[in-house]
């Protein structure tokens, strides 16, 4: 579970292949929406700033990778997710398009990614 930039709670519903958003949690206006991703995902995160690095945990390889984009940096507001090795798009970290639910693979060749974090510089 994570929090998006709007303060909504977001749950990776792994077996359902979707992101579940709880808007205005804890209020009388609480509402749930879903984005179908069509594949199992583990962690999802929103990039808050261009400067920093992403940590990717690969459980199968018992390794944590530090990922950075040296020249242009990350795009604030972009959404990254990871698909473990038993997903229909296995062992990737990708960019999520919330309008379509599509995931564009940007890191491949992982064993089974199971953790994501962003560390601002």
PDB file of N, CA and C in Angstrom:
ATOM      1  N   UNK A   1       0.847  -1.172   0.000  1.00  0.00           N
ATOM      2  CA  UNK A   1       0.000   0.000   0.000  1.00  0.00           C
ATOM      3  C   UNK A   1       0.894   1.238   0.000  1.00  0.00           C
ATOM      4  N   UNK A   2       0.440   2.282  -0.676  1.00  0.00           N
ATOM      5  CA  UNK A   2       1.179   3.532  -0.743  1.00  0.00           C
ATOM      6  C   UNK A   2       0.188   4.693  -0.742  1.00  0.00           C
ATOM      7  N   UNK A   3       0.716   5.890  -0.788  1.00  0.00           N
ATOM      8  CA  UNK A   3      -0.113   7.093  -0.862  1.00  0.00           C
ATOM      9  C   UNK A   3       0.287   7.847  -2.120  1.00  0.00           C
ATOM     10  N   UNK A   4      -0.701   8.254  -2.918  1.00  0.00           N
ATOM     11  CA  UNK A   4      -0.397   9.009  -4.126  1.00  0.00           C
ATOM     12  C   UNK A   4      -0.255  10.499  -3.785  1.00  0.00           C
ATOM     13  N   UNK A   5       0.164  11.329  -4.746  1.00  0.00           N
ATOM     14  CA  UNK A   5       0.367  12.750  -4.452  1.00  0.00           C
ATOM     15  C   UNK A   5      -0.883  13.492  -3.990  1.00  0.00           C
ATOM     16  N   UNK A   6      -2.069  12.963  -4.301  1.00  0.00           N
ATOM     17  CA  UNK A   6      -3.318  13.590  -3.877  1.00  0.00           C
ATOM     18  C   UNK A   6      -3.771  13.167  -2.494  1.00  0.00           C
ATOM     19  N   UNK A   7      -2.990  12.313  -1.822  1.00  0.00           N
ATOM     20  CA  UNK A   7      -3.348  11.852  -0.484  1.00  0.00           C
ATOM     21  C   UNK A   7      -4.252  10.637  -0.475  1.00  0.00           C
ATOM     22  N   UNK A   8      -4.483  10.025  -1.633  1.00  0.00           N
ATOM     23  CA  UNK A   8      -5.301   8.815  -1.693  1.00  0.00           C
ATOM     24  C   UNK A   8      -4.466   7.602  -1.299  1.00  0.00           C
ATOM     25  N   UNK A   9      -5.081   6.661  -0.611  1.00  0.00           N
ATOM     26  CA  UNK A   9      -4.424   5.387  -0.338  1.00  0.00           C
ATOM     27  C   UNK A   9      -4.515   4.535  -1.589  1.00  0.00           C
ATOM     28  N   UNK A  10      -3.424   3.855  -1.931  1.00  0.00           N
ATOM     29  CA  UNK A  10      -3.404   3.026  -3.142  1.00  0.00           C
ATOM     30  C   UNK A  10      -2.903   1.643  -2.765  1.00  0.00           C
ATOM     31  N   UNK A  11      -3.691   0.646  -3.096  1.00  0.00           N
ATOM     32  CA  UNK A  11      -3.366  -0.743  -2.799  1.00  0.00           C
ATOM     33  C   UNK A  11      -3.083  -1.471  -4.105  1.00  0.00           C
ATOM     34  N   UNK A  12      -1.963  -2.207  -4.141  1.00  0.00           N
ATOM     35  CA  UNK A  12      -1.702  -3.113  -5.258  1.00  0.00           C
ATOM     36  C   UNK A  12      -2.512  -4.375  -4.998  1.00  0.00           C
ATOM     37  N   UNK A  13      -3.580  -4.565  -5.738  1.00  0.00           N
ATOM     38  CA  UNK A  13      -4.360  -5.786  -5.608  1.00  0.00           C
ATOM     39  C   UNK A  13      -3.723  -6.811  -6.540  1.00  0.00           C
ATOM     40  N   UNK A  14      -2.710  -7.491  -6.007  1.00  0.00           N
ATOM     41  CA  UNK A  14      -1.834  -8.314  -6.838  1.00  0.00           C
ATOM     42  C   UNK A  14      -2.575  -9.356  -7.658  1.00  0.00           C
ATOM     43  N   UNK A  15      -3.352 -10.193  -7.022  1.00  0.00           N
ATOM     44  CA  UNK A  15      -4.019 -11.287  -7.735  1.00  0.00           C
ATOM     45  C   UNK A  15      -5.043 -10.772  -8.745  1.00  0.00           C
ATOM     46  N   UNK A  16      -5.595  -9.576  -8.487  1.00  0.00           N
ATOM     47  CA  UNK A  16      -6.587  -8.995  -9.393  1.00  0.00           C
ATOM     48  C   UNK A  16      -5.956  -8.203 -10.529  1.00  0.00           C
ATOM     49  N   UNK A  17      -4.652  -7.914 -10.426  1.00  0.00           N
ATOM     50  CA  UNK A  17      -3.984  -7.136 -11.468  1.00  0.00           C
ATOM     51  C   UNK A  17      -4.534  -5.736 -11.581  1.00  0.00           C
ATOM     52  N   UNK A  18      -4.727  -5.088 -10.435  1.00  0.00           N
ATOM     53  CA  UNK A  18      -5.266  -3.736 -10.471  1.00  0.00           C
ATOM     54  C   UNK A  18      -4.719  -2.899  -9.322  1.00  0.00           C
ATOM     55  N   UNK A  19      -4.826  -1.580  -9.487  1.00  0.00           N
ATOM     56  CA  UNK A  19      -4.547  -0.646  -8.411  1.00  0.00           C
ATOM     57  C   UNK A  19      -5.896  -0.181  -7.872  1.00  0.00           C
ATOM     58  N   UNK A  20      -6.045  -0.217  -6.555  1.00  0.00           N
ATOM     59  CA  UNK A  20      -7.283   0.198  -5.906  1.00  0.00           C
ATOM     60  C   UNK A  20      -7.003   1.509  -5.169  1.00  0.00           C
ATOM     61  N   UNK A  21      -7.762   2.543  -5.499  1.00  0.00           N
ATOM     62  CA  UNK A  21      -7.592   3.864  -4.902  1.00  0.00           C
ATOM     63  C   UNK A  21      -8.703   4.129  -3.904  1.00  0.00           C
ATOM     64  N   UNK A  22      -8.334   4.520  -2.696  1.00  0.00           N
ATOM     65  CA  UNK A  22      -9.293   4.944  -1.687  1.00  0.00           C
ATOM     66  C   UNK A  22      -9.159   6.461  -1.578  1.00  0.00           C
ATOM     67  N   UNK A  23     -10.113   7.177  -2.182  1.00  0.00           N
ATOM     68  CA  UNK A  23     -10.093   8.639  -2.221  1.00  0.00           C
ATOM     69  C   UNK A  23     -10.706   9.192  -0.936  1.00  0.00           C
ATOM     70  N   UNK A  24     -10.125  10.240  -0.420  1.00  0.00           N
ATOM     71  CA  UNK A  24     -10.586  10.907   0.810  1.00  0.00           C
ATOM     72  C   UNK A  24     -10.818   9.906   1.936  1.00  0.00           C
ATOM     73  N   UNK A  25      -9.783   9.102   2.256  1.00  0.00           N
ATOM     74  CA  UNK A  25      -9.950   8.064   3.278  1.00  0.00           C
ATOM     75  C   UNK A  25     -10.332   8.646   4.641  1.00  0.00           C
ATOM     76  N   UNK A  26     -11.233   7.946   5.313  1.00  0.00           N
ATOM     77  CA  UNK A  26     -11.645   8.327   6.657  1.00  0.00           C
ATOM     78  C   UNK A  26     -12.655   9.448   6.720  1.00  0.00           C
ATOM     79  N   UNK A  27     -13.173   9.887   5.561  1.00  0.00           N
ATOM     80  CA  UNK A  27     -14.172  10.953   5.557  1.00  0.00           C
ATOM     81  C   UNK A  27     -15.512  10.387   5.096  1.00  0.00           C
ATOM     82  N   UNK A  28     -16.539  11.180   5.219  1.00  0.00           N
ATOM     83  CA  UNK A  28     -17.860  10.744   4.745  1.00  0.00           C
ATOM     84  C   UNK A  28     -17.938  10.744   3.221  1.00  0.00           C
ATOM     85  N   UNK A  29     -16.931  11.306   2.558  1.00  0.00           N
ATOM     86  CA  UNK A  29     -16.887  11.351   1.092  1.00  0.00           C
ATOM     87  C   UNK A  29     -15.956  10.284   0.518  1.00  0.00           C
ATOM     88  N   UNK A  30     -15.570   9.326   1.340  1.00  0.00           N
ATOM     89  CA  UNK A  30     -14.665   8.256   0.914  1.00  0.00           C
ATOM     90  C   UNK A  30     -15.234   7.533  -0.308  1.00  0.00           C
ATOM     91  N   UNK A  31     -14.362   7.242  -1.260  1.00  0.00           N
ATOM     92  CA  UNK A  31     -14.799   6.601  -2.504  1.00  0.00           C
ATOM     93  C   UNK A  31     -13.686   5.683  -2.989  1.00  0.00           C
ATOM     94  N   UNK A  32     -14.047   4.568  -3.621  1.00  0.00           N
ATOM     95  CA  UNK A  32     -13.076   3.619  -4.148  1.00  0.00           C
ATOM     96  C   UNK A  32     -13.161   3.597  -5.671  1.00  0.00           C
ATOM     97  N   UNK A  33     -11.979   3.662  -6.319  1.00  0.00           N
ATOM     98  CA  UNK A  33     -11.907   3.458  -7.763  1.00  0.00           C
ATOM     99  C   UNK A  33     -10.787   2.457  -8.028  1.00  0.00           C
ATOM    100  N   UNK A  34     -10.811   1.883  -9.230  1.00  0.00           N
ATOM    101  CA  UNK A  34      -9.820   0.871  -9.601  1.00  0.00           C
ATOM    102  C   UNK A  34      -9.262   1.162 -10.982  1.00  0.00           C
ATOM    103  N   UNK A  35      -7.992   0.783 -11.168  1.00  0.00           N
ATOM    104  CA  UNK A  35      -7.362   0.836 -12.484  1.00  0.00           C
ATOM    105  C   UNK A  35      -6.882  -0.572 -12.801  1.00  0.00           C
ATOM    106  N   UNK A  36      -7.433  -1.172 -13.849  1.00  0.00           N
ATOM    107  CA  UNK A  36      -7.054  -2.513 -14.270  1.00  0.00           C
ATOM    108  C   UNK A  36      -5.706  -2.462 -14.967  1.00  0.00           C
ATOM    109  N   UNK A  37      -4.737  -3.266 -14.495  1.00  0.00           N
ATOM    110  CA  UNK A  37      -3.400  -3.305 -15.075  1.00  0.00           C
ATOM    111  C   UNK A  37      -3.167  -4.541 -15.932  1.00  0.00           C
ATOM    112  N   UNK A  38      -3.987  -5.539 -15.813  1.00  0.00           N
ATOM    113  CA  UNK A  38      -3.911  -6.772 -16.602  1.00  0.00           C
ATOM    114  C   UNK A  38      -2.698  -7.647 -16.279  1.00  0.00           C
ATOM    115  N   UNK A  39      -2.003  -7.353 -15.202  1.00  0.00           N
ATOM    116  CA  UNK A  39      -0.915  -8.210 -14.739  1.00  0.00           C
ATOM    117  C   UNK A  39      -0.736  -7.992 -13.244  1.00  0.00           C
ATOM    118  N   UNK A  40      -0.202  -8.972 -12.595  1.00  0.00           N
ATOM    119  CA  UNK A  40       0.077  -8.870 -11.159  1.00  0.00           C
ATOM    120  C   UNK A  40       1.219  -7.888 -10.939  1.00  0.00           C
ATOM    121  N   UNK A  41       1.066  -6.990  -9.970  1.00  0.00           N
ATOM    122  CA  UNK A  41       2.135  -6.067  -9.604  1.00  0.00           C
ATOM    123  C   UNK A  41       2.383  -6.158  -8.106  1.00  0.00           C
ATOM    124  N   UNK A  42       3.577  -5.743  -7.695  1.00  0.00           N
ATOM    125  CA  UNK A  42       3.922  -5.820  -6.279  1.00  0.00           C
ATOM    126  C   UNK A  42       3.893  -4.441  -5.634  1.00  0.00           C
ATOM    127  N   UNK A  43       4.872  -3.616  -5.870  1.00  0.00           N
ATOM    128  CA  UNK A  43       4.893  -2.261  -5.309  1.00  0.00           C
ATOM    129  C   UNK A  43       4.682  -1.245  -6.415  1.00  0.00           C
ATOM    130  N   UNK A  44       4.121  -0.094  -6.034  1.00  0.00           N
ATOM    131  CA  UNK A  44       3.904   1.008  -6.960  1.00  0.00           C
ATOM    132  C   UNK A  44       4.305   2.289  -6.235  1.00  0.00           C
ATOM    133  N   UNK A  45       4.961   3.203  -6.955  1.00  0.00           N
ATOM    134  CA  UNK A  45       5.329   4.469  -6.321  1.00  0.00           C
ATOM    135  C   UNK A  45       5.253   5.620  -7.303  1.00  0.00           C
ATOM    136  N   UNK A  46       4.977   6.802  -6.758  1.00  0.00           N
ATOM    137  CA  UNK A  46       4.934   8.044  -7.507  1.00  0.00           C
ATOM    138  C   UNK A  46       6.251   8.774  -7.277  1.00  0.00           C
ATOM    139  N   UNK A  47       6.821   9.314  -8.336  1.00  0.00           N
ATOM    140  CA  UNK A  47       8.091  10.040  -8.253  1.00  0.00           C
ATOM    141  C   UNK A  47       7.794  11.486  -7.840  1.00  0.00           C
ATOM    142  N   UNK A  48       8.335  11.921  -6.682  1.00  0.00           N
ATOM    143  CA  UNK A  48       8.019  13.268  -6.188  1.00  0.00           C
ATOM    144  C   UNK A  48       8.896  14.383  -6.765  1.00  0.00           C
ATOM    145  N   UNK A  49      10.095  14.051  -7.234  1.00  0.00           N
ATOM    146  CA  UNK A  49      11.042  15.056  -7.686  1.00  0.00           C
ATOM    147  C   UNK A  49      11.973  14.451  -8.733  1.00  0.00           C
ATOM    148  N   UNK A  50      12.585  15.293  -9.549  1.00  0.00           N
ATOM    149  CA  UNK A  50      13.466  14.776 -10.595  1.00  0.00           C
ATOM    150  C   UNK A  50      14.793  14.275 -10.045  1.00  0.00           C
ATOM    151  N   UNK A  51      15.214  14.830  -8.933  1.00  0.00           N
ATOM    152  CA  UNK A  51      16.522  14.474  -8.377  1.00  0.00           C
ATOM    153  C   UNK A  51      16.394  13.436  -7.281  1.00  0.00           C
ATOM    154  N   UNK A  52      17.062  12.326  -7.482  1.00  0.00           N
ATOM    155  CA  UNK A  52      17.040  11.252  -6.509  1.00  0.00           C
ATOM    156  C   UNK A  52      17.326   9.933  -7.187  1.00  0.00           C
ATOM    157  N   UNK A  53      17.071   8.868  -6.461  1.00  0.00           N
ATOM    158  CA  UNK A  53      17.255   7.540  -7.044  1.00  0.00           C
ATOM    159  C   UNK A  53      16.180   6.599  -6.517  1.00  0.00           C
ATOM    160  N   UNK A  54      15.940   5.582  -7.310  1.00  0.00           N
ATOM    161  CA  UNK A  54      14.955   4.568  -6.970  1.00  0.00           C
ATOM    162  C   UNK A  54      15.706   3.324  -6.491  1.00  0.00           C
ATOM    163  N   UNK A  55      15.188   2.687  -5.458  1.00  0.00           N
ATOM    164  CA  UNK A  55      15.721   1.414  -4.998  1.00  0.00           C
ATOM    165  C   UNK A  55      14.776   0.312  -5.466  1.00  0.00           C
ATOM    166  N   UNK A  56      15.349  -0.730  -6.056  1.00  0.00           N
ATOM    167  CA  UNK A  56      14.580  -1.873  -6.547  1.00  0.00           C
ATOM    168  C   UNK A  56      15.116  -3.115  -5.859  1.00  0.00           C
ATOM    169  N   UNK A  57      14.244  -3.819  -5.146  1.00  0.00           N
ATOM    170  CA  UNK A  57      14.634  -5.061  -4.475  1.00  0.00           C
ATOM    171  C   UNK A  57      14.309  -6.236  -5.385  1.00  0.00           C
ATOM    172  N   UNK A  58      15.289  -7.092  -5.607  1.00  0.00           N
ATOM    173  CA  UNK A  58      15.107  -8.318  -6.375  1.00  0.00           C
ATOM    174  C   UNK A  58      15.258  -9.480  -5.402  1.00  0.00           C
ATOM    175  N   UNK A  59      14.127 -10.050  -4.989  1.00  0.00           N
ATOM    176  CA  UNK A  59      14.140 -11.105  -3.970  1.00  0.00           C
ATOM    177  C   UNK A  59      14.873 -12.353  -4.433  1.00  0.00           C
ATOM    178  N   UNK A  60      14.685 -12.741  -5.684  1.00  0.00           N
ATOM    179  CA  UNK A  60      15.315 -13.949  -6.195  1.00  0.00           C
ATOM    180  C   UNK A  60      16.834 -13.844  -6.164  1.00  0.00           C
ATOM    181  N   UNK A  61      17.353 -12.669  -6.502  1.00  0.00           N
ATOM    182  CA  UNK A  61      18.804 -12.467  -6.556  1.00  0.00           C
ATOM    183  C   UNK A  61      19.371 -11.929  -5.244  1.00  0.00           C
ATOM    184  N   UNK A  62      18.471 -11.706  -4.235  1.00  0.00           N
ATOM    185  CA  UNK A  62      18.888 -11.192  -2.930  1.00  0.00           C
ATOM    186  C   UNK A  62      19.733  -9.925  -3.091  1.00  0.00           C
ATOM    187  N   UNK A  63      19.223  -9.003  -3.932  1.00  0.00           N
ATOM    188  CA  UNK A  63      19.967  -7.802  -4.287  1.00  0.00           C
ATOM    189  C   UNK A  63      19.038  -6.595  -4.280  1.00  0.00           C
ATOM    190  N   UNK A  64      19.589  -5.455  -3.867  1.00  0.00           N
ATOM    191  CA  UNK A  64      18.891  -4.177  -3.995  1.00  0.00           C
ATOM    192  C   UNK A  64      19.678  -3.320  -4.971  1.00  0.00           C
ATOM    193  N   UNK A  65      19.008  -2.836  -6.010  1.00  0.00           N
ATOM    194  CA  UNK A  65      19.644  -2.009  -7.033  1.00  0.00           C
ATOM    195  C   UNK A  65      19.314  -0.543  -6.787  1.00  0.00           C
ATOM    196  N   UNK A  66      20.294   0.319  -7.016  1.00  0.00           N
ATOM    197  CA  UNK A  66      20.104   1.764  -6.975  1.00  0.00           C
ATOM    198  C   UNK A  66      19.994   2.237  -8.420  1.00  0.00           C
ATOM    199  N   UNK A  67      18.857   2.825  -8.774  1.00  0.00           N
ATOM    200  CA  UNK A  67      18.586   3.245 -10.150  1.00  0.00           C
ATOM    201  C   UNK A  67      18.514   4.770 -10.194  1.00  0.00           C
ATOM    202  N   UNK A  68      19.257   5.354 -11.103  1.00  0.00           N
ATOM    203  CA  UNK A  68      19.189   6.807 -11.286  1.00  0.00           C
ATOM    204  C   UNK A  68      19.154   7.117 -12.780  1.00  0.00           C
ATOM    205  N   UNK A  69      18.765   8.347 -13.094  1.00  0.00           N
ATOM    206  CA  UNK A  69      18.757   8.830 -14.469  1.00  0.00           C
ATOM    207  C   UNK A  69      19.671  10.051 -14.473  1.00  0.00           C
ATOM    208  N   UNK A  70      20.951   9.855 -14.840  1.00  0.00           N
ATOM    209  CA  UNK A  70      21.985  10.867 -14.617  1.00  0.00           C
ATOM    210  C   UNK A  70      21.741  12.257 -15.216  1.00  0.00           C
ATOM    211  N   UNK A  71      21.371  12.358 -16.466  1.00  0.00           N
ATOM    212  CA  UNK A  71      21.304  13.678 -17.099  1.00  0.00           C
ATOM    213  C   UNK A  71      19.991  14.414 -16.849  1.00  0.00           C
ATOM    214  N   UNK A  72      18.892  13.815 -17.246  1.00  0.00           N
ATOM    215  CA  UNK A  72      17.609  14.517 -17.136  1.00  0.00           C
ATOM    216  C   UNK A  72      16.879  14.261 -15.817  1.00  0.00           C
ATOM    217  N   UNK A  73      17.240  13.211 -15.100  1.00  0.00           N
ATOM    218  CA  UNK A  73      16.560  12.887 -13.847  1.00  0.00           C
ATOM    219  C   UNK A  73      15.213  12.223 -14.103  1.00  0.00           C
ATOM    220  N   UNK A  74      14.527  11.920 -13.036  1.00  0.00           N
ATOM    221  CA  UNK A  74      13.200  11.312 -13.113  1.00  0.00           C
ATOM    222  C   UNK A  74      12.168  12.379 -13.461  1.00  0.00           C
ATOM    223  N   UNK A  75      11.039  11.950 -13.973  1.00  0.00           N
ATOM    224  CA  UNK A  75       9.939  12.864 -14.263  1.00  0.00           C
ATOM    225  C   UNK A  75       9.000  12.885 -13.067  1.00  0.00           C
ATOM    226  N   UNK A  76       8.899  14.032 -12.367  1.00  0.00           N
ATOM    227  CA  UNK A  76       7.990  14.106 -11.218  1.00  0.00           C
ATOM    228  C   UNK A  76       6.561  13.754 -11.629  1.00  0.00           C
ATOM    229  N   UNK A  77       5.912  12.976 -10.798  1.00  0.00           N
ATOM    230  CA  UNK A  77       4.547  12.537 -11.075  1.00  0.00           C
ATOM    231  C   UNK A  77       4.456  11.233 -11.824  1.00  0.00           C
ATOM    232  N   UNK A  78       5.586  10.762 -12.375  1.00  0.00           N
ATOM    233  CA  UNK A  78       5.538   9.477 -13.069  1.00  0.00           C
ATOM    234  C   UNK A  78       5.330   8.363 -12.043  1.00  0.00           C
ATOM    235  N   UNK A  79       4.737   7.280 -12.511  1.00  0.00           N
ATOM    236  CA  UNK A  79       4.345   6.180 -11.631  1.00  0.00           C
ATOM    237  C   UNK A  79       5.083   4.923 -12.063  1.00  0.00           C
ATOM    238  N   UNK A  80       5.841   4.351 -11.147  1.00  0.00           N
ATOM    239  CA  UNK A  80       6.577   3.116 -11.411  1.00  0.00           C
ATOM    240  C   UNK A  80       5.927   1.979 -10.632  1.00  0.00           C
ATOM    241  N   UNK A  81       5.935   0.805 -11.223  1.00  0.00           N
ATOM    242  CA  UNK A  81       5.467  -0.394 -10.552  1.00  0.00           C
ATOM    243  C   UNK A  81       6.394  -1.535 -10.924  1.00  0.00           C
ATOM    244  N   UNK A  82       6.262  -2.632 -10.214  1.00  0.00           N
ATOM    245  CA  UNK A  82       7.076  -3.797 -10.549  1.00  0.00           C
ATOM    246  C   UNK A  82       6.190  -5.021 -10.618  1.00  0.00           C
ATOM    247  N   UNK A  83       6.563  -5.909 -11.524  1.00  0.00           N
ATOM    248  CA  UNK A  83       5.828  -7.155 -11.732  1.00  0.00           C
ATOM    249  C   UNK A  83       6.756  -8.316 -11.371  1.00  0.00           C
ATOM    250  N   UNK A  84       6.383  -9.119 -10.373  1.00  0.00           N
ATOM    251  CA  UNK A  84       7.229 -10.243  -9.975  1.00  0.00           C
ATOM    252  C   UNK A  84       7.286 -11.325 -11.054  1.00  0.00           C
ATOM    253  N   UNK A  85       8.073 -12.360 -10.802  1.00  0.00           N
ATOM    254  CA  UNK A  85       8.339 -13.370 -11.824  1.00  0.00           C
ATOM    255  C   UNK A  85       7.128 -14.238 -12.176  1.00  0.00           C
ATOM    256  N   UNK A  86       6.053 -14.212 -11.395  1.00  0.00           N
ATOM    257  CA  UNK A  86       4.868 -15.001 -11.732  1.00  0.00           C
ATOM    258  C   UNK A  86       3.764 -14.150 -12.369  1.00  0.00           C
ATOM    259  N   UNK A  87       4.112 -12.978 -12.867  1.00  0.00           N
ATOM    260  CA  UNK A  87       3.165 -12.094 -13.549  1.00  0.00           C
ATOM    261  C   UNK A  87       3.107 -12.420 -15.037  1.00  0.00           C
ATOM    262  N   UNK A  88       2.076 -11.921 -15.703  1.00  0.00           N
ATOM    263  CA  UNK A  88       2.003 -12.135 -17.149  1.00  0.00           C
ATOM    264  C   UNK A  88       3.041 -11.294 -17.896  1.00  0.00           C
ATOM    265  N   UNK A  89       3.521 -10.228 -17.289  1.00  0.00           N
ATOM    266  CA  UNK A  89       4.667  -9.459 -17.789  1.00  0.00           C
ATOM    267  C   UNK A  89       5.728  -9.612 -16.699  1.00  0.00           C
ATOM    268  N   UNK A  90       6.482 -10.713 -16.708  1.00  0.00           N
ATOM    269  CA  UNK A  90       7.293 -11.062 -15.540  1.00  0.00           C
ATOM    270  C   UNK A  90       8.591 -10.277 -15.386  1.00  0.00           C
ATOM    271  N   UNK A  91       8.948 -10.067 -14.108  1.00  0.00           N
ATOM    272  CA  UNK A  91      10.285  -9.620 -13.700  1.00  0.00           C
ATOM    273  C   UNK A  91      10.709  -8.282 -14.282  1.00  0.00           C
ATOM    274  N   UNK A  92       9.798  -7.294 -14.228  1.00  0.00           N
ATOM    275  CA  UNK A  92      10.112  -5.969 -14.774  1.00  0.00           C
ATOM    276  C   UNK A  92       9.787  -4.881 -13.757  1.00  0.00           C
ATOM    277  N   UNK A  93      10.380  -3.714 -13.986  1.00  0.00           N
ATOM    278  CA  UNK A  93       9.923  -2.462 -13.393  1.00  0.00           C
ATOM    279  C   UNK A  93       9.449  -1.631 -14.565  1.00  0.00           C
ATOM    280  N   UNK A  94       8.269  -1.030 -14.441  1.00  0.00           N
ATOM    281  CA  UNK A  94       7.721  -0.291 -15.568  1.00  0.00           C
ATOM    282  C   UNK A  94       6.991   0.960 -15.158  1.00  0.00           C
ATOM    283  N   UNK A  95       6.705   1.786 -16.150  1.00  0.00           N
ATOM    284  CA  UNK A  95       5.930   3.006 -15.971  1.00  0.00           C
ATOM    285  C   UNK A  95       4.454   2.707 -16.200  1.00  0.00           C
ATOM    286  N   UNK A  96       3.617   3.194 -15.303  1.00  0.00           N
ATOM    287  CA  UNK A  96       2.173   2.959 -15.372  1.00  0.00           C
ATOM    288  C   UNK A  96       1.481   4.151 -16.015  1.00  0.00           C
ATOM    289  N   UNK A  97       0.592   3.863 -16.950  1.00  0.00           N
ATOM    290  CA  UNK A  97      -0.291   4.871 -17.516  1.00  0.00           C
ATOM    291  C   UNK A  97      -1.657   4.643 -16.869  1.00  0.00           C
ATOM    292  N   UNK A  98      -2.067   5.526 -15.958  1.00  0.00           N
ATOM    293  CA  UNK A  98      -3.342   5.334 -15.249  1.00  0.00           C
ATOM    294  C   UNK A  98      -4.553   5.451 -16.160  1.00  0.00           C
ATOM    295  N   UNK A  99      -4.423   6.166 -17.273  1.00  0.00           N
ATOM    296  CA  UNK A  99      -5.557   6.315 -18.190  1.00  0.00           C
ATOM    297  C   UNK A  99      -5.872   5.015 -18.919  1.00  0.00           C
ATOM    298  N   UNK A 100      -4.837   4.230 -19.227  1.00  0.00           N
ATOM    299  CA  UNK A 100      -5.032   3.009 -20.004  1.00  0.00           C
ATOM    300  C   UNK A 100      -4.791   1.731 -19.198  1.00  0.00           C
ATOM    301  N   UNK A 101      -4.062   1.845 -18.094  1.00  0.00           N
ATOM    302  CA  UNK A 101      -3.672   0.659 -17.329  1.00  0.00           C
ATOM    303  C   UNK A 101      -2.451  -0.040 -17.910  1.00  0.00           C
ATOM    304  N   UNK A 102      -1.890   0.514 -18.986  1.00  0.00           N
ATOM    305  CA  UNK A 102      -0.709  -0.093 -19.601  1.00  0.00           C
ATOM    306  C   UNK A 102       0.538   0.144 -18.764  1.00  0.00           C
ATOM    307  N   UNK A 103       1.438  -0.828 -18.804  1.00  0.00           N
ATOM    308  CA  UNK A 103       2.725  -0.731 -18.131  1.00  0.00           C
ATOM    309  C   UNK A 103       3.810  -0.850 -19.192  1.00  0.00           C
ATOM    310  N   UNK A 104       4.681   0.157 -19.255  1.00  0.00           N
ATOM    311  CA  UNK A 104       5.796   0.149 -20.202  1.00  0.00           C
ATOM    312  C   UNK A 104       7.044  -0.289 -19.451  1.00  0.00           C
ATOM    313  N   UNK A 105       7.588  -1.447 -19.794  1.00  0.00           N
ATOM    314  CA  UNK A 105       8.778  -1.963 -19.122  1.00  0.00           C
ATOM    315  C   UNK A 105       9.953  -1.016 -19.339  1.00  0.00           C
ATOM    316  N   UNK A 106      10.637  -0.659 -18.245  1.00  0.00           N
ATOM    317  CA  UNK A 106      11.828   0.189 -18.345  1.00  0.00           C
ATOM    318  C   UNK A 106      13.061  -0.494 -17.753  1.00  0.00           C
ATOM    319  N   UNK A 107      12.850  -1.483 -16.900  1.00  0.00           N
ATOM    320  CA  UNK A 107      13.942  -2.298 -16.366  1.00  0.00           C
ATOM    321  C   UNK A 107      13.528  -3.756 -16.522  1.00  0.00           C
ATOM    322  N   UNK A 108      14.357  -4.546 -17.202  1.00  0.00           N
ATOM    323  CA  UNK A 108      14.065  -5.955 -17.427  1.00  0.00           C
ATOM    324  C   UNK A 108      15.224  -6.806 -16.915  1.00  0.00           C
ATOM    325  N   UNK A 109      15.052  -8.112 -16.955  1.00  0.00           N
ATOM    326  CA  UNK A 109      16.127  -9.019 -16.585  1.00  0.00           C
ATOM    327  C   UNK A 109      16.256  -9.256 -15.091  1.00  0.00           C
ATOM    328  N   UNK A 110      15.260  -8.871 -14.332  1.00  0.00           N
ATOM    329  CA  UNK A 110      15.281  -9.095 -12.888  1.00  0.00           C
ATOM    330  C   UNK A 110      14.803 -10.507 -12.577  1.00  0.00           C
ATOM    331  N   UNK A 111      15.155 -11.006 -11.403  1.00  0.00           N
ATOM    332  CA  UNK A 111      14.678 -12.322 -10.983  1.00  0.00           C
ATOM    333  C   UNK A 111      13.220 -12.253 -10.570  1.00  0.00           C
ATOM    334  N   UNK A 112      12.934 -11.509  -9.507  1.00  0.00           N
ATOM    335  CA  UNK A 112      11.568 -11.271  -9.052  1.00  0.00           C
ATOM    336  C   UNK A 112      11.553 -10.002  -8.212  1.00  0.00           C
ATOM    337  N   UNK A 113      11.265  -8.844  -8.831  1.00  0.00           N
ATOM    338  CA  UNK A 113      11.254  -7.596  -8.079  1.00  0.00           C
ATOM    339  C   UNK A 113      10.106  -7.582  -7.063  1.00  0.00           C
ATOM    340  N   UNK A 114      10.424  -7.203  -5.832  1.00  0.00           N
ATOM    341  CA  UNK A 114       9.434  -7.255  -4.760  1.00  0.00           C
ATOM    342  C   UNK A 114       9.422  -6.014  -3.875  1.00  0.00           C
ATOM    343  N   UNK A 115      10.197  -4.984  -4.196  1.00  0.00           N
ATOM    344  CA  UNK A 115      10.202  -3.786  -3.379  1.00  0.00           C
ATOM    345  C   UNK A 115      10.686  -2.585  -4.166  1.00  0.00           C
ATOM    346  N   UNK A 116      10.020  -1.445  -3.958  1.00  0.00           N
ATOM    347  CA  UNK A 116      10.407  -0.184  -4.611  1.00  0.00           C
ATOM    348  C   UNK A 116      10.395   0.936  -3.583  1.00  0.00           C
ATOM    349  N   UNK A 117      11.331   1.865  -3.720  1.00  0.00           N
ATOM    350  CA  UNK A 117      11.341   3.065  -2.899  1.00  0.00           C
ATOM    351  C   UNK A 117      12.014   4.161  -3.702  1.00  0.00           C
ATOM    352  N   UNK A 118      11.668   5.412  -3.411  1.00  0.00           N
ATOM    353  CA  UNK A 118      12.342   6.542  -4.039  1.00  0.00           C
ATOM    354  C   UNK A 118      12.994   7.361  -2.941  1.00  0.00           C
ATOM    355  N   UNK A 119      14.277   7.695  -3.142  1.00  0.00           N
ATOM    356  CA  UNK A 119      15.038   8.484  -2.192  1.00  0.00           C
ATOM    357  C   UNK A 119      15.419   9.804  -2.863  1.00  0.00           C
ATOM    358  N   UNK A 120      14.817  10.924  -2.453  1.00  0.00           N
ATOM    359  CA  UNK A 120      15.191  12.217  -3.038  1.00  0.00           C
ATOM    360  C   UNK A 120      16.617  12.601  -2.638  1.00  0.00           C
ATOM    361  N   UNK A 121      17.303  13.327  -3.527  1.00  0.00           N
ATOM    362  CA  UNK A 121      18.638  13.838  -3.216  1.00  0.00           C
ATOM    363  C   UNK A 121      18.546  15.102  -2.384  1.00  0.00           C
TER     364      UNK A 121
END
